[in-house]
Full PDB file with SEQRES, HELIX, SHEET, SSBOND, CRYST1, ORIGX, SCALE, CONECT and MASTER records, all heavy atoms in Angstrom:
SEQRES   1 A   39  LYS PRO GLU ASP THR ALA VAL TYR TYR CYS ALA PRO VAL          
SEQRES   2 A   39  ALA ARG LEU ASN SER ASP CYS ILE LEU PRO LEU SER ALA          
SEQRES   3 A   39  ILE TYR ASN TYR TRP GLY ARG GLY THR GLN VAL THR VAL          
HELIX    1 AA1 PRO A    2  ASP A    4  5                                   3    
SHEET    1 AA1 2 ALA A   6  TYR A   8  0                                        
SHEET    2 AA1 2 THR A  35  VAL A  37 -1                                        
SHEET    1 AA2 2 ARG A  15  LEU A  16  0                                        
SHEET    2 AA2 2 ASP A  19  CYS A  20 -1                                        
CRYST1    1.000    1.000    1.000  90.00  90.00  90.00 P 1           1          
ORIGX1      1.000000  0.000000  0.000000        0.00000                         
ORIGX2      0.000000  1.000000  0.000000        0.00000                         
ORIGX3      0.000000  0.000000  1.000000        0.00000                         
SCALE1      1.000000  0.000000  0.000000        0.00000                         
SCALE2      0.000000  1.000000  0.000000        0.00000                         
SCALE3      0.000000  0.000000  1.000000        0.00000                         
ATOM      1  N   LYS A   1     -25.236 -14.202 -26.167  1.00  0.00           N  
ATOM      2  CA  LYS A   1     -24.012 -14.702 -25.562  1.00  0.00           C  
ATOM      3  C   LYS A   1     -23.024 -13.547 -25.413  1.00  0.00           C  
ATOM      4  O   LYS A   1     -23.123 -12.550 -26.148  1.00  0.00           O  
ATOM      5  CB  LYS A   1     -23.411 -15.779 -26.468  1.00  0.00           C  
ATOM      6  CG  LYS A   1     -24.325 -16.970 -26.690  1.00  0.00           C  
ATOM      7  CD  LYS A   1     -23.780 -17.901 -27.755  1.00  0.00           C  
ATOM      8  CE  LYS A   1     -24.050 -17.396 -29.139  1.00  0.00           C  
ATOM      9  NZ  LYS A   1     -23.732 -18.395 -30.179  1.00  0.00           N  
ATOM     10  N   PRO A   2     -22.068 -13.669 -24.509  1.00  0.00           N  
ATOM     11  CA  PRO A   2     -21.081 -12.579 -24.361  1.00  0.00           C  
ATOM     12  C   PRO A   2     -20.390 -12.222 -25.676  1.00  0.00           C  
ATOM     13  O   PRO A   2     -20.076 -11.050 -25.898  1.00  0.00           O  
ATOM     14  CB  PRO A   2     -20.098 -13.158 -23.338  1.00  0.00           C  
ATOM     15  CG  PRO A   2     -20.940 -14.074 -22.504  1.00  0.00           C  
ATOM     16  CD  PRO A   2     -21.904 -14.699 -23.480  1.00  0.00           C  
ATOM     17  N   GLU A   3     -20.186 -13.176 -26.545  1.00  0.00           N  
ATOM     18  CA  GLU A   3     -19.526 -12.885 -27.822  1.00  0.00           C  
ATOM     19  C   GLU A   3     -20.406 -12.089 -28.789  1.00  0.00           C  
ATOM     20  O   GLU A   3     -19.942 -11.673 -29.852  1.00  0.00           O  
ATOM     21  CB  GLU A   3     -19.035 -14.164 -28.499  1.00  0.00           C  
ATOM     22  CG  GLU A   3     -20.070 -15.252 -28.626  1.00  0.00           C  
ATOM     23  CD  GLU A   3     -19.982 -16.267 -27.499  1.00  0.00           C  
ATOM     24  OE1 GLU A   3     -19.843 -15.862 -26.317  1.00  0.00           O  
ATOM     25  OE2 GLU A   3     -20.076 -17.480 -27.807  1.00  0.00           O  
ATOM     26  N   ASP A   4     -21.670 -11.879 -28.437  1.00  0.00           N  
ATOM     27  CA  ASP A   4     -22.527 -11.006 -29.227  1.00  0.00           C  
ATOM     28  C   ASP A   4     -22.347  -9.535 -28.863  1.00  0.00           C  
ATOM     29  O   ASP A   4     -22.945  -8.652 -29.506  1.00  0.00           O  
ATOM     30  CB  ASP A   4     -23.998 -11.392 -29.054  1.00  0.00           C  
ATOM     31  CG  ASP A   4     -24.311 -12.777 -29.583  1.00  0.00           C  
ATOM     32  OD1 ASP A   4     -23.828 -13.112 -30.688  1.00  0.00           O  
ATOM     33  OD2 ASP A   4     -25.022 -13.529 -28.885  1.00  0.00           O  
ATOM     34  N   THR A   5     -21.550  -9.272 -27.846  1.00  0.00           N  
ATOM     35  CA  THR A   5     -21.283  -7.892 -27.441  1.00  0.00           C  
ATOM     36  C   THR A   5     -20.610  -7.128 -28.574  1.00  0.00           C  
ATOM     37  O   THR A   5     -19.570  -7.547 -29.088  1.00  0.00           O  
ATOM     38  CB  THR A   5     -20.404  -7.859 -26.188  1.00  0.00           C  
ATOM     39  OG1 THR A   5     -21.133  -8.424 -25.093  1.00  0.00           O  
ATOM     40  CG2 THR A   5     -19.994  -6.426 -25.840  1.00  0.00           C  
ATOM     41  N   ALA A   6     -21.232  -6.027 -28.970  1.00  0.00           N  
ATOM     42  CA  ALA A   6     -20.730  -5.246 -30.103  1.00  0.00           C  
ATOM     43  C   ALA A   6     -21.615  -4.018 -30.275  1.00  0.00           C  
ATOM     44  O   ALA A   6     -22.678  -3.917 -29.660  1.00  0.00           O  
ATOM     45  CB  ALA A   6     -20.755  -6.066 -31.393  1.00  0.00           C  
ATOM     46  N   VAL A   7     -21.160  -3.120 -31.122  1.00  0.00           N  
ATOM     47  CA  VAL A   7     -22.026  -2.056 -31.619  1.00  0.00           C  
ATOM     48  C   VAL A   7     -22.660  -2.555 -32.907  1.00  0.00           C  
ATOM     49  O   VAL A   7     -21.958  -3.059 -33.793  1.00  0.00           O  
ATOM     50  CB  VAL A   7     -21.249  -0.749 -31.866  1.00  0.00           C  
ATOM     51  CG1 VAL A   7     -22.195   0.338 -32.370  1.00  0.00           C  
ATOM     52  CG2 VAL A   7     -20.543  -0.300 -30.594  1.00  0.00           C  
ATOM     53  N   TYR A   8     -23.968  -2.420 -32.998  1.00  0.00           N  
ATOM     54  CA  TYR A   8     -24.717  -2.927 -34.149  1.00  0.00           C  
ATOM     55  C   TYR A   8     -25.156  -1.765 -35.037  1.00  0.00           C  
ATOM     56  O   TYR A   8     -25.657  -0.750 -34.546  1.00  0.00           O  
ATOM     57  CB  TYR A   8     -25.926  -3.722 -33.667  1.00  0.00           C  
ATOM     58  CG  TYR A   8     -25.560  -5.067 -33.115  1.00  0.00           C  
ATOM     59  CD1 TYR A   8     -24.888  -5.193 -31.894  1.00  0.00           C  
ATOM     60  CD2 TYR A   8     -25.843  -6.240 -33.816  1.00  0.00           C  
ATOM     61  CE1 TYR A   8     -24.520  -6.435 -31.393  1.00  0.00           C  
ATOM     62  CE2 TYR A   8     -25.491  -7.486 -33.321  1.00  0.00           C  
ATOM     63  CZ  TYR A   8     -24.834  -7.574 -32.115  1.00  0.00           C  
ATOM     64  OH  TYR A   8     -24.473  -8.805 -31.622  1.00  0.00           O  
ATOM     65  N   TYR A   9     -24.978  -1.964 -36.336  1.00  0.00           N  
ATOM     66  CA  TYR A   9     -25.304  -0.959 -37.336  1.00  0.00           C  
ATOM     67  C   TYR A   9     -26.172  -1.566 -38.431  1.00  0.00           C  
ATOM     68  O   TYR A   9     -26.080  -2.761 -38.720  1.00  0.00           O  
ATOM     69  CB  TYR A   9     -24.033  -0.434 -38.017  1.00  0.00           C  
ATOM     70  CG  TYR A   9     -22.988   0.149 -37.117  1.00  0.00           C  
ATOM     71  CD1 TYR A   9     -22.014  -0.663 -36.522  1.00  0.00           C  
ATOM     72  CD2 TYR A   9     -22.931   1.518 -36.870  1.00  0.00           C  
ATOM     73  CE1 TYR A   9     -21.029  -0.126 -35.713  1.00  0.00           C  
ATOM     74  CE2 TYR A   9     -21.949   2.060 -36.065  1.00  0.00           C  
ATOM     75  CZ  TYR A   9     -21.006   1.228 -35.486  1.00  0.00           C  
ATOM     76  OH  TYR A   9     -20.028   1.778 -34.678  1.00  0.00           O  
ATOM     77  N   CYS A  10     -26.960  -0.719 -39.069  1.00  0.00           N  
ATOM     78  CA  CYS A  10     -27.673  -1.134 -40.263  1.00  0.00           C  
ATOM     79  C   CYS A  10     -27.174  -0.293 -41.436  1.00  0.00           C  
ATOM     80  O   CYS A  10     -26.633   0.800 -41.245  1.00  0.00           O  
ATOM     81  CB  CYS A  10     -29.174  -0.969 -40.104  1.00  0.00           C  
ATOM     82  SG  CYS A  10     -29.701   0.722 -39.832  1.00  0.00           S  
ATOM     83  N   ALA A  11     -27.360  -0.810 -42.639  1.00  0.00           N  
ATOM     84  CA  ALA A  11     -26.918  -0.074 -43.821  1.00  0.00           C  
ATOM     85  C   ALA A  11     -27.524  -0.693 -45.072  1.00  0.00           C  
ATOM     86  O   ALA A  11     -27.695  -1.921 -45.131  1.00  0.00           O  
ATOM     87  CB  ALA A  11     -25.396  -0.094 -43.932  1.00  0.00           C  
ATOM     88  N   PRO A  12     -27.804   0.137 -46.079  1.00  0.00           N  
ATOM     89  CA  PRO A  12     -28.177  -0.420 -47.389  1.00  0.00           C  
ATOM     90  C   PRO A  12     -26.974  -1.191 -47.949  1.00  0.00           C  
ATOM     91  O   PRO A  12     -25.828  -0.729 -47.831  1.00  0.00           O  
ATOM     92  CB  PRO A  12     -28.482   0.817 -48.226  1.00  0.00           C  
ATOM     93  CG  PRO A  12     -28.700   1.920 -47.247  1.00  0.00           C  
ATOM     94  CD  PRO A  12     -27.843   1.600 -46.085  1.00  0.00           C  
ATOM     95  N   VAL A  13     -27.239  -2.338 -48.549  1.00  0.00           N  
ATOM     96  CA  VAL A  13     -26.152  -3.182 -49.052  1.00  0.00           C  
ATOM     97  C   VAL A  13     -26.366  -3.526 -50.516  1.00  0.00           C  
ATOM     98  O   VAL A  13     -27.471  -3.420 -51.047  1.00  0.00           O  
ATOM     99  CB  VAL A  13     -26.020  -4.474 -48.225  1.00  0.00           C  
ATOM    100  CG1 VAL A  13     -25.662  -4.156 -46.779  1.00  0.00           C  
ATOM    101  CG2 VAL A  13     -27.310  -5.289 -48.287  1.00  0.00           C  
ATOM    102  N   ALA A  14     -25.288  -3.973 -51.138  1.00  0.00           N  
ATOM    103  CA  ALA A  14     -25.346  -4.352 -52.540  1.00  0.00           C  
ATOM    104  C   ALA A  14     -26.290  -5.538 -52.727  1.00  0.00           C  
ATOM    105  O   ALA A  14     -26.326  -6.448 -51.898  1.00  0.00           O  
ATOM    106  CB  ALA A  14     -23.948  -4.701 -53.034  1.00  0.00           C  
ATOM    107  N   ARG A  15     -27.026  -5.491 -53.808  1.00  0.00           N  
ATOM    108  CA  ARG A  15     -27.974  -6.574 -54.084  1.00  0.00           C  
ATOM    109  C   ARG A  15     -27.938  -6.948 -55.565  1.00  0.00           C  
ATOM    110  O   ARG A  15     -27.482  -6.177 -56.401  1.00  0.00           O  
ATOM    111  CB  ARG A  15     -29.392  -6.170 -53.699  1.00  0.00           C  
ATOM    112  CG  ARG A  15     -29.983  -5.057 -54.545  1.00  0.00           C  
ATOM    113  CD  ARG A  15     -31.434  -4.798 -54.178  1.00  0.00           C  
ATOM    114  NE  ARG A  15     -32.005  -3.663 -54.889  1.00  0.00           N  
ATOM    115  CZ  ARG A  15     -32.599  -3.749 -56.069  1.00  0.00           C  
ATOM    116  NH1 ARG A  15     -32.683  -4.914 -56.686  1.00  0.00           N  
ATOM    117  NH2 ARG A  15     -33.108  -2.671 -56.637  1.00  0.00           N  
ATOM    118  N   LEU A  16     -28.406  -8.133 -55.865  1.00  0.00           N  
ATOM    119  CA  LEU A  16     -28.613  -8.595 -57.228  1.00  0.00           C  
ATOM    120  C   LEU A  16     -30.063  -9.026 -57.327  1.00  0.00           C  
ATOM    121  O   LEU A  16     -30.467  -9.965 -56.631  1.00  0.00           O  
ATOM    122  CB  LEU A  16     -27.671  -9.754 -57.567  1.00  0.00           C  
ATOM    123  CG  LEU A  16     -27.876 -10.360 -58.954  1.00  0.00           C  
ATOM    124  CD1 LEU A  16     -27.572  -9.313 -60.026  1.00  0.00           C  
ATOM    125  CD2 LEU A  16     -26.968 -11.577 -59.144  1.00  0.00           C  
ATOM    126  N   ASN A  17     -30.814  -8.343 -58.129  1.00  0.00           N  
ATOM    127  CA  ASN A  17     -32.270  -8.516 -58.141  1.00  0.00           C  
ATOM    128  C   ASN A  17     -32.776  -8.271 -56.727  1.00  0.00           C  
ATOM    129  O   ASN A  17     -32.538  -7.221 -56.170  1.00  0.00           O  
ATOM    130  CB  ASN A  17     -32.630  -9.894 -58.690  1.00  0.00           C  
ATOM    131  CG  ASN A  17     -32.158 -10.066 -60.122  1.00  0.00           C  
ATOM    132  OD1 ASN A  17     -32.269  -9.143 -60.928  1.00  0.00           O  
ATOM    133  ND2 ASN A  17     -31.597 -11.224 -60.428  1.00  0.00           N  
ATOM    134  N   SER A  18     -33.456  -9.210 -56.122  1.00  0.00           N  
ATOM    135  CA  SER A  18     -33.996  -8.968 -54.786  1.00  0.00           C  
ATOM    136  C   SER A  18     -33.094  -9.487 -53.681  1.00  0.00           C  
ATOM    137  O   SER A  18     -33.423  -9.347 -52.497  1.00  0.00           O  
ATOM    138  CB  SER A  18     -35.380  -9.601 -54.664  1.00  0.00           C  
ATOM    139  OG  SER A  18     -35.291 -10.998 -54.824  1.00  0.00           O  
ATOM    140  N   ASP A  19     -31.962 -10.075 -54.046  1.00  0.00           N  
ATOM    141  CA  ASP A  19     -31.113 -10.769 -53.071  1.00  0.00           C  
ATOM    142  C   ASP A  19     -29.900  -9.949 -52.654  1.00  0.00           C  
ATOM    143  O   ASP A  19     -29.330  -9.206 -53.452  1.00  0.00           O  
ATOM    144  CB  ASP A  19     -30.621 -12.091 -53.661  1.00  0.00           C  
ATOM    145  CG  ASP A  19     -31.759 -13.029 -53.986  1.00  0.00           C  
ATOM    146  OD1 ASP A  19     -32.792 -12.971 -53.286  1.00  0.00           O  
ATOM    147  OD2 ASP A  19     -31.623 -13.807 -54.944  1.00  0.00           O  
ATOM    148  N   CYS A  20     -29.477 -10.152 -51.431  1.00  0.00           N  
ATOM    149  CA  CYS A  20     -28.251  -9.530 -50.937  1.00  0.00           C  
ATOM    150  C   CYS A  20     -27.052 -10.207 -51.583  1.00  0.00           C  
ATOM    151  O   CYS A  20     -27.028 -11.426 -51.717  1.00  0.00           O  
ATOM    152  CB  CYS A  20     -28.142  -9.683 -49.421  1.00  0.00           C  
ATOM    153  SG  CYS A  20     -29.585  -9.130 -48.506  1.00  0.00           S  
ATOM    154  N   ILE A  21     -26.060  -9.430 -51.947  1.00  0.00           N  
ATOM    155  CA  ILE A  21     -24.819  -9.987 -52.474  1.00  0.00           C  
ATOM    156  C   ILE A  21     -23.880 -10.254 -51.303  1.00  0.00           C  
ATOM    157  O   ILE A  21     -23.708  -9.407 -50.422  1.00  0.00           O  
ATOM    158  CB  ILE A  21     -24.173  -9.018 -53.484  1.00  0.00           C  
ATOM    159  CG1 ILE A  21     -25.045  -8.893 -54.740  1.00  0.00           C  
ATOM    160  CG2 ILE A  21     -22.770  -9.488 -53.874  1.00  0.00           C  
ATOM    161  CD1 ILE A  21     -24.549  -7.880 -55.734  1.00  0.00           C  
ATOM    162  N   LEU A  22     -23.276 -11.439 -51.314  1.00  0.00           N  
ATOM    163  CA  LEU A  22     -22.344 -11.810 -50.252  1.00  0.00           C  
ATOM    164  C   LEU A  22     -20.906 -11.727 -50.755  1.00  0.00           C  
ATOM    165  O   LEU A  22     -20.650 -12.071 -51.908  1.00  0.00           O  
ATOM    166  CB  LEU A  22     -22.652 -13.228 -49.766  1.00  0.00           C  
ATOM    167  CG  LEU A  22     -24.072 -13.466 -49.256  1.00  0.00           C  
ATOM    168  CD1 LEU A  22     -24.237 -14.925 -48.851  1.00  0.00           C  
ATOM    169  CD2 LEU A  22     -24.395 -12.542 -48.112  1.00  0.00           C  
ATOM    170  N   PRO A  23     -19.968 -11.320 -49.912  1.00  0.00           N  
ATOM    171  CA  PRO A  23     -20.178 -10.844 -48.544  1.00  0.00           C  
ATOM    172  C   PRO A  23     -20.903  -9.510 -48.531  1.00  0.00           C  
ATOM    173  O   PRO A  23     -20.843  -8.747 -49.496  1.00  0.00           O  
ATOM    174  CB  PRO A  23     -18.755 -10.704 -48.000  1.00  0.00           C  
ATOM    175  CG  PRO A  23     -17.924 -10.432 -49.216  1.00  0.00           C  
ATOM    176  CD  PRO A  23     -18.562 -11.236 -50.313  1.00  0.00           C  
ATOM    177  N   LEU A  24     -21.605  -9.245 -47.443  1.00  0.00           N  
ATOM    178  CA  LEU A  24     -22.364  -8.018 -47.345  1.00  0.00           C  
ATOM    179  C   LEU A  24     -21.448  -6.806 -47.470  1.00  0.00           C  
ATOM    180  O   LEU A  24     -20.374  -6.762 -46.862  1.00  0.00           O  
ATOM    181  CB  LEU A  24     -23.109  -7.963 -46.012  1.00  0.00           C  
ATOM    182  CG  LEU A  24     -24.154  -9.066 -45.786  1.00  0.00           C  
ATOM    183  CD1 LEU A  24     -24.843  -8.868 -44.440  1.00  0.00           C  
ATOM    184  CD2 LEU A  24     -25.162  -9.114 -46.909  1.00  0.00           C  
ATOM    185  N   SER A  25     -21.914  -5.847 -48.244  1.00  0.00           N  
ATOM    186  CA  SER A  25     -21.112  -4.653 -48.496  1.00  0.00           C  
ATOM    187  C   SER A  25     -22.025  -3.439 -48.501  1.00  0.00           C  
ATOM    188  O   SER A  25     -22.943  -3.352 -49.314  1.00  0.00           O  
ATOM    189  CB  SER A  25     -20.391  -4.778 -49.839  1.00  0.00           C  
ATOM    190  OG  SER A  25     -19.714  -3.578 -50.162  1.00  0.00           O  
ATOM    191  N   ALA A  26     -21.768  -2.533 -47.566  1.00  0.00           N  
ATOM    192  CA  ALA A  26     -22.538  -1.295 -47.545  1.00  0.00           C  
ATOM    193  C   ALA A  26     -22.246  -0.501 -48.809  1.00  0.00           C  
ATOM    194  O   ALA A  26     -21.098  -0.402 -49.248  1.00  0.00           O  
ATOM    195  CB  ALA A  26     -22.184  -0.475 -46.310  1.00  0.00           C  
ATOM    196  N   ILE A  27     -23.283   0.043 -49.399  1.00  0.00           N  
ATOM    197  CA  ILE A  27     -23.108   0.721 -50.686  1.00  0.00           C  
ATOM    198  C   ILE A  27     -22.887   2.226 -50.540  1.00  0.00           C  
ATOM    199  O   ILE A  27     -22.536   2.886 -51.513  1.00  0.00           O  
ATOM    200  CB  ILE A  27     -24.285   0.441 -51.625  1.00  0.00           C  
ATOM    201  CG1 ILE A  27     -25.614   0.900 -51.013  1.00  0.00           C  
ATOM    202  CG2 ILE A  27     -24.332  -1.025 -51.978  1.00  0.00           C  
ATOM    203  CD1 ILE A  27     -26.787   0.739 -51.956  1.00  0.00           C  
ATOM    204  N   TYR A  28     -23.090   2.767 -49.367  1.00  0.00           N  
ATOM    205  CA  TYR A  28     -22.811   4.180 -49.153  1.00  0.00           C  
ATOM    206  C   TYR A  28     -21.738   4.323 -48.081  1.00  0.00           C  
ATOM    207  O   TYR A  28     -21.664   3.533 -47.143  1.00  0.00           O  
ATOM    208  CB  TYR A  28     -24.073   4.924 -48.717  1.00  0.00           C  
ATOM    209  CG  TYR A  28     -25.156   4.921 -49.763  1.00  0.00           C  
ATOM    210  CD1 TYR A  28     -26.372   4.272 -49.532  1.00  0.00           C  
ATOM    211  CD2 TYR A  28     -24.973   5.542 -50.988  1.00  0.00           C  
ATOM    212  CE1 TYR A  28     -27.370   4.265 -50.489  1.00  0.00           C  
ATOM    213  CE2 TYR A  28     -25.966   5.529 -51.952  1.00  0.00           C  
ATOM    214  CZ  TYR A  28     -27.154   4.893 -51.693  1.00  0.00           C  
ATOM    215  OH  TYR A  28     -28.137   4.884 -52.653  1.00  0.00           O  
ATOM    216  N   ASN A  29     -20.950   5.346 -48.204  1.00  0.00           N  
ATOM    217  CA  ASN A  29     -19.914   5.612 -47.209  1.00  0.00           C  
ATOM    218  C   ASN A  29     -20.528   6.422 -46.075  1.00  0.00           C  
ATOM    219  O   ASN A  29     -20.179   7.578 -45.825  1.00  0.00           O  
ATOM    220  CB  ASN A  29     -18.751   6.375 -47.848  1.00  0.00           C  
ATOM    221  CG  ASN A  29     -17.610   6.559 -46.884  1.00  0.00           C  
ATOM    222  OD1 ASN A  29     -17.435   5.771 -45.958  1.00  0.00           O  
ATOM    223  ND2 ASN A  29     -16.823   7.599 -47.077  1.00  0.00           N  
ATOM    224  N   TYR A  30     -21.481   5.763 -45.415  1.00  0.00           N  
ATOM    225  CA  TYR A  30     -22.194   6.429 -44.319  1.00  0.00           C  
ATOM    226  C   TYR A  30     -22.624   5.355 -43.332  1.00  0.00           C  
ATOM    227  O   TYR A  30     -23.132   4.307 -43.716  1.00  0.00           O  
ATOM    228  CB  TYR A  30     -23.438   7.159 -44.843  1.00  0.00           C  
ATOM    229  CG  TYR A  30     -24.364   7.614 -43.746  1.00  0.00           C  
ATOM    230  CD1 TYR A  30     -24.170   8.831 -43.110  1.00  0.00           C  
ATOM    231  CD2 TYR A  30     -25.414   6.798 -43.315  1.00  0.00           C  
ATOM    232  CE1 TYR A  30     -25.004   9.230 -42.073  1.00  0.00           C  
ATOM    233  CE2 TYR A  30     -26.252   7.191 -42.286  1.00  0.00           C  
ATOM    234  CZ  TYR A  30     -26.047   8.405 -41.679  1.00  0.00           C  
ATOM    235  OH  TYR A  30     -26.865   8.801 -40.654  1.00  0.00           O  
ATOM    236  N   TRP A  31     -22.412   5.654 -42.082  1.00  0.00           N  
ATOM    237  CA  TRP A  31     -22.873   4.782 -41.003  1.00  0.00           C  
ATOM    238  C   TRP A  31     -23.557   5.617 -39.946  1.00  0.00           C  
ATOM    239  O   TRP A  31     -23.120   6.729 -39.641  1.00  0.00           O  
ATOM    240  CB  TRP A  31     -21.704   4.024 -40.371  1.00  0.00           C  
ATOM    241  CG  TRP A  31     -21.043   3.084 -41.305  1.00  0.00           C  
ATOM    242  CD1 TRP A  31     -19.962   3.326 -42.099  1.00  0.00           C  
ATOM    243  CD2 TRP A  31     -21.439   1.734 -41.598  1.00  0.00           C  
ATOM    244  NE1 TRP A  31     -19.657   2.217 -42.861  1.00  0.00           N  
ATOM    245  CE2 TRP A  31     -20.543   1.229 -42.557  1.00  0.00           C  
ATOM    246  CE3 TRP A  31     -22.457   0.901 -41.132  1.00  0.00           C  
ATOM    247  CZ2 TRP A  31     -20.651  -0.074 -43.053  1.00  0.00           C  
ATOM    248  CZ3 TRP A  31     -22.559  -0.384 -41.623  1.00  0.00           C  
ATOM    249  CH2 TRP A  31     -21.656  -0.861 -42.584  1.00  0.00           C  
ATOM    250  N   GLY A  32     -24.644   5.083 -39.383  1.00  0.00           N  
ATOM    251  CA  GLY A  32     -25.264   5.725 -38.251  1.00  0.00           C  
ATOM    252  C   GLY A  32     -24.404   5.570 -37.012  1.00  0.00           C  
ATOM    253  O   GLY A  32     -23.273   5.073 -37.080  1.00  0.00           O  
ATOM    254  N   ARG A  33     -24.932   5.976 -35.896  1.00  0.00           N  
ATOM    255  CA  ARG A  33     -24.171   5.883 -34.636  1.00  0.00           C  
ATOM    256  C   ARG A  33     -24.132   4.452 -34.096  1.00  0.00           C  
ATOM    257  O   ARG A  33     -23.297   4.124 -33.246  1.00  0.00           O  
ATOM    258  CB  ARG A  33     -24.783   6.801 -33.584  1.00  0.00           C  
ATOM    259  CG  ARG A  33     -24.599   8.271 -33.897  1.00  0.00           C  
ATOM    260  CD  ARG A  33     -25.041   9.135 -32.724  1.00  0.00           C  
ATOM    261  NE  ARG A  33     -24.702  10.532 -32.925  1.00  0.00           N  
ATOM    262  CZ  ARG A  33     -24.872  11.482 -32.019  1.00  0.00           C  
ATOM    263  NH1 ARG A  33     -25.382  11.177 -30.833  1.00  0.00           N  
ATOM    264  NH2 ARG A  33     -24.542  12.728 -32.281  1.00  0.00           N  
ATOM    265  N   GLY A  34     -25.031   3.635 -34.567  1.00  0.00           N  
ATOM    266  CA  GLY A  34     -25.084   2.274 -34.058  1.00  0.00           C  
ATOM    267  C   GLY A  34     -25.764   2.211 -32.701  1.00  0.00           C  
ATOM    268  O   GLY A  34     -26.093   3.231 -32.081  1.00  0.00           O  
ATOM    269  N   THR A  35     -25.973   0.997 -32.229  1.00  0.00           N  
ATOM    270  CA  THR A  35     -26.541   0.789 -30.904  1.00  0.00           C  
ATOM    271  C   THR A  35     -25.714  -0.273 -30.199  1.00  0.00           C  
ATOM    272  O   THR A  35     -25.404  -1.331 -30.770  1.00  0.00           O  
ATOM    273  CB  THR A  35     -28.034   0.406 -30.994  1.00  0.00           C  
ATOM    274  OG1 THR A  35     -28.596   0.345 -29.686  1.00  0.00           O  
ATOM    275  CG2 THR A  35     -28.270  -0.908 -31.715  1.00  0.00           C  
ATOM    276  N   GLN A  36     -25.331   0.024 -28.969  1.00  0.00           N  
ATOM    277  CA  GLN A  36     -24.442  -0.859 -28.216  1.00  0.00           C  
ATOM    278  C   GLN A  36     -25.229  -2.001 -27.593  1.00  0.00           C  
ATOM    279  O   GLN A  36     -26.240  -1.774 -26.910  1.00  0.00           O  
ATOM    280  CB  GLN A  36     -23.731  -0.075 -27.114  1.00  0.00           C  
ATOM    281  CG  GLN A  36     -22.884  -0.932 -26.180  1.00  0.00           C  
ATOM    282  CD  GLN A  36     -21.627  -1.452 -26.837  1.00  0.00           C  
ATOM    283  OE1 GLN A  36     -20.886  -0.712 -27.477  1.00  0.00           O  
ATOM    284  NE2 GLN A  36     -21.373  -2.755 -26.691  1.00  0.00           N  
ATOM    285  N   VAL A  37     -24.758  -3.198 -27.812  1.00  0.00           N  
ATOM    286  CA  VAL A  37     -25.300  -4.391 -27.159  1.00  0.00           C  
ATOM    287  C   VAL A  37     -24.196  -4.975 -26.293  1.00  0.00           C  
ATOM    288  O   VAL A  37     -23.102  -5.274 -26.782  1.00  0.00           O  
ATOM    289  CB  VAL A  37     -25.776  -5.421 -28.191  1.00  0.00           C  
ATOM    290  CG1 VAL A  37     -26.156  -6.731 -27.505  1.00  0.00           C  
ATOM    291  CG2 VAL A  37     -26.960  -4.872 -28.988  1.00  0.00           C  
ATOM    292  N   THR A  38     -24.493  -5.118 -25.021  1.00  0.00           N  
ATOM    293  CA  THR A  38     -23.531  -5.702 -24.085  1.00  0.00           C  
ATOM    294  C   THR A  38     -24.184  -6.884 -23.394  1.00  0.00           C  
ATOM    295  O   THR A  38     -25.248  -6.746 -22.786  1.00  0.00           O  
ATOM    296  CB  THR A  38     -23.074  -4.682 -23.040  1.00  0.00           C  
ATOM    297  OG1 THR A  38     -22.504  -3.549 -23.698  1.00  0.00           O  
ATOM    298  CG2 THR A  38     -22.039  -5.289 -22.106  1.00  0.00           C  
ATOM    299  N   VAL A  39     -23.566  -8.035 -23.532  1.00  0.00           N  
ATOM    300  CA  VAL A  39     -24.093  -9.257 -22.921  1.00  0.00           C  
ATOM    301  C   VAL A  39     -23.137  -9.663 -21.807  1.00  0.00           C  
ATOM    302  O   VAL A  39     -21.991 -10.062 -22.071  1.00  0.00           O  
ATOM    303  CB  VAL A  39     -24.233 -10.386 -23.946  1.00  0.00           C  
ATOM    304  CG1 VAL A  39     -24.904 -11.600 -23.299  1.00  0.00           C  
ATOM    305  CG2 VAL A  39     -25.035  -9.903 -25.163  1.00  0.00           C  
TER     306      VAL A  39                                                      
MASTER        0    0    0    1    4    0    0    6  305    1    0    3          
END                                                                             
């Protein structure tokens, strides 16, 4: 949908055992360039 338009990034996030901790929080102060999605 048009509202999905954004730059998308991936990152390692905080976890507890095997599960992601919410809200999602990147654990390193590093981001890739991302990839642009335009709808």
